[in-house]
Amino acid sequence: MNTYFSMGASTGLRLALGALALSAVVLVTGCARPSASANVYNYSQTQRDQIVRNGTVINVRPITIQSDQTSGGGTIAGGAMGGVAGSAVGGGTGRTLAIIGGALLGALAGNAVEDRLSKKDGLEITVRLDNGETRVIAQEADLPIMINQRVQVISGAGPTRVAPLTGS
């Protein structure tokens, strides 16, 4: 006997809808991750003249970079999955309450997951430029940056970036 039919058509449908909702969460959260990396350029930022200023790192502080806004996909998909899960409980009024409760709890959980996925480790880097000016730049912690390290501060075609100075 086919497993789908032995579970009952409605239970199999609920599981299929749950899997679909989970796929939506993965898809949405995968698309909702902008980068604050010194190594990542958007296509529109390429082939543009930029200003490079050399300097020395005088302070590095770990920070958390959080997205300005969420897509809402985690809340929607979590609510859908919770509602599907709640629909498997009981019947009548109890089932309706389980669907509503499952949808609410799922939405809260989905929002929390999306919020956690939208945070990245970063660095606040203070650089004393060779001309005497001091600049502070925040970016992802994907490059090793240390105090007293010689760096380039790159700006002019989008975000300002700090990159280790090589060949000096």
Protein backbone atom coordinates (compact mmCIF):
# COMPACT_ATOMS: atom_id res chain seq x y z
CA MET A 1 0.00 0.00 0.00
CA ASN A 2 1.28 3.50 -0.81
CA THR A 3 2.47 5.39 2.30
CA TYR A 4 0.61 8.54 1.21
CA PHE A 5 -2.73 6.71 1.26
CA SER A 6 -2.01 4.73 4.42
CA MET A 7 -1.53 8.02 6.31
CA GLY A 8 -4.75 9.40 4.95
CA ALA A 9 -4.98 11.86 2.10
CA SER A 10 -5.45 14.89 4.36
CA THR A 11 -2.38 14.07 6.50
CA GLY A 12 -0.26 13.54 3.39
CA LEU A 13 -1.49 16.84 1.98
CA ARG A 14 -0.61 18.60 5.23
CA LEU A 15 2.89 17.16 5.15
CA ALA A 16 3.31 18.22 1.53
CA LEU A 17 2.16 21.76 2.39
CA GLY A 18 4.55 21.83 5.35
CA ALA A 19 7.44 20.80 3.10
CA LEU A 20 6.43 23.49 0.61
CA ALA A 21 6.35 26.12 3.37
CA LEU A 22 9.76 25.02 4.64
CA SER A 23 11.15 25.31 1.12
CA ALA A 24 9.78 28.85 0.96
CA VAL A 25 11.57 29.77 4.20
CA VAL A 26 14.87 28.46 2.88
CA LEU A 27 14.42 30.29 -0.42
CA VAL A 28 13.40 33.60 1.17
CA THR A 29 16.09 33.63 3.85
CA GLY A 30 18.72 32.72 1.28
CA CYS A 31 17.80 35.77 -0.79
CA ALA A 32 17.58 38.16 2.13
CA ARG A 33 21.26 38.34 3.03
CA PRO A 34 22.92 41.51 1.78
CA SER A 35 26.69 41.63 2.22
CA ALA A 36 28.81 44.11 4.15
CA SER A 37 32.02 42.38 3.11
CA ALA A 38 35.06 44.24 1.83
CA ASN A 39 35.37 41.41 -0.71
CA VAL A 40 31.88 41.65 -2.24
CA TYR A 41 30.96 44.13 -4.96
CA ASN A 42 27.55 44.48 -6.59
CA TYR A 43 27.64 44.45 -10.37
CA SER A 44 26.81 48.19 -10.47
CA GLN A 45 29.89 48.92 -8.32
CA THR A 46 32.35 47.36 -10.74
CA GLN A 47 34.36 49.19 -13.38
CA ARG A 48 34.16 52.46 -11.47
CA ASP A 49 36.94 54.76 -10.38
CA GLN A 50 37.52 54.65 -6.62
CA ILE A 51 39.57 56.66 -4.17
CA VAL A 52 42.25 54.78 -2.23
CA ARG A 53 43.78 56.24 0.91
CA ASN A 54 46.45 54.42 2.90
CA GLY A 55 46.55 54.38 6.67
CA THR A 56 47.22 52.44 9.85
CA VAL A 57 44.61 50.66 11.97
CA ILE A 58 44.51 52.18 15.45
CA ASN A 59 41.52 50.26 16.85
CA VAL A 60 39.39 47.23 15.98
CA ARG A 61 36.17 46.44 17.81
CA PRO A 62 33.89 43.44 17.21
CA ILE A 63 30.30 44.37 16.33
CA THR A 64 27.12 42.69 15.10
CA ILE A 65 25.72 43.77 11.75
CA GLN A 66 21.95 43.39 11.55
CA SER A 67 19.75 43.80 8.50
CA ASP A 68 17.74 47.03 8.40
CA GLN A 69 14.58 45.14 7.57
CA THR A 70 13.40 41.58 7.22
CA SER A 71 11.58 40.19 4.21
CA GLY A 72 8.73 38.80 6.32
CA GLY A 73 9.24 35.45 4.65
CA GLY A 74 10.20 33.76 7.91
CA THR A 75 7.02 34.96 9.59
CA ILE A 76 4.80 33.90 6.68
CA ALA A 77 6.43 30.50 6.17
CA GLY A 78 6.58 29.82 9.92
CA GLY A 79 2.90 30.71 10.25
CA ALA A 80 2.02 28.42 7.36
CA MET A 81 4.02 25.54 8.80
CA GLY A 82 2.50 26.08 12.26
CA GLY A 83 -1.00 26.18 10.81
CA VAL A 84 -0.39 22.97 8.87
CA ALA A 85 0.99 21.30 12.00
CA GLY A 86 -1.98 22.54 14.05
CA SER A 87 -4.43 21.18 11.50
CA ALA A 88 -3.26 17.66 12.35
CA VAL A 89 -4.60 18.04 15.91
CA GLY A 90 -8.11 16.93 16.89
CA GLY A 91 -11.29 18.04 15.22
CA GLY A 92 -13.98 20.73 15.41
CA THR A 93 -13.35 23.79 17.58
CA GLY A 94 -10.22 22.26 19.13
CA ARG A 95 -8.73 21.79 15.70
CA THR A 96 -9.53 25.38 14.73
CA LEU A 97 -7.84 26.63 17.91
CA ALA A 98 -4.85 24.37 17.22
CA ILE A 99 -4.54 25.78 13.69
CA ILE A 100 -4.67 29.37 14.97
CA GLY A 101 -2.26 28.66 17.83
CA GLY A 102 0.10 26.75 15.55
CA ALA A 103 0.06 29.57 13.01
CA LEU A 104 0.83 32.18 15.69
CA LEU A 105 3.63 30.17 17.28
CA GLY A 106 5.01 29.26 13.86
CA ALA A 107 5.00 32.91 12.80
CA LEU A 108 6.90 33.91 15.94
CA ALA A 109 9.42 31.11 15.45
CA GLY A 110 9.84 31.93 11.74
CA ASN A 111 10.43 35.60 12.54
CA ALA A 112 13.05 34.66 15.17
CA VAL A 113 14.85 32.39 12.69
CA GLU A 114 14.88 35.09 10.01
CA ASP A 115 16.12 37.66 12.55
CA ARG A 116 18.96 35.38 13.63
CA LEU A 117 19.95 34.65 10.03
CA SER A 118 20.04 38.39 9.23
CA LYS A 119 22.86 39.03 11.77
CA LYS A 120 26.55 38.84 10.86
CA ASP A 121 29.78 39.29 12.80
CA GLY A 122 31.48 42.54 11.94
CA LEU A 123 34.33 44.85 12.82
CA GLU A 124 34.37 48.55 13.58
CA ILE A 125 37.78 49.59 12.25
CA THR A 126 39.39 52.90 13.19
CA VAL A 127 42.06 54.00 10.71
CA ARG A 128 44.47 56.92 10.99
CA LEU A 129 45.07 57.93 7.38
CA ASP A 130 48.53 59.01 6.24
CA ASN A 131 47.20 62.58 5.85
CA GLY A 132 46.38 62.65 9.61
CA GLU A 133 42.59 62.20 9.34
CA THR A 134 40.86 59.45 11.31
CA ARG A 135 38.06 57.34 9.82
CA VAL A 136 35.83 54.64 11.31
CA ILE A 137 34.41 51.99 8.98
CA ALA A 138 32.15 49.06 9.89
CA GLN A 139 32.24 45.94 7.73
CA GLU A 140 31.90 42.16 7.95
CA ALA A 141 34.60 40.33 9.87
CA ASP A 142 35.69 38.29 6.85
CA LEU A 143 39.19 39.79 6.51
CA PRO A 144 41.84 39.66 9.24
CA ILE A 145 42.32 43.26 10.38
CA MET A 146 44.59 44.03 13.35
CA ILE A 147 45.82 47.06 15.25
CA ASN A 148 48.95 48.66 13.68
CA GLN A 149 48.23 46.95 10.33
CA ARG A 150 48.70 49.00 7.17
CA VAL A 151 45.46 49.14 5.19
CA GLN A 152 43.75 50.77 2.25
CA VAL A 153 40.50 52.67 2.77
CA ILE A 154 38.62 52.32 -0.52
CA SER A 155 35.65 54.58 -1.28
CA GLY A 156 33.76 56.25 -4.07
CA ALA A 157 31.78 53.49 -5.83
CA GLY A 158 29.41 52.44 -3.09
CA PRO A 159 30.31 51.50 0.47
CA THR A 160 33.67 52.39 1.99
CA ARG A 161 35.86 49.32 2.56
CA VAL A 162 39.01 48.54 4.51
CA ALA A 163 41.44 46.05 2.97
CA PRO A 164 44.94 45.00 4.04
CA LEU A 165 47.66 46.84 2.15
CA THR A 166 49.70 44.30 0.23
CA GLY A 167 53.14 44.71 -1.29
CA SER A 168 54.41 47.35 1.13
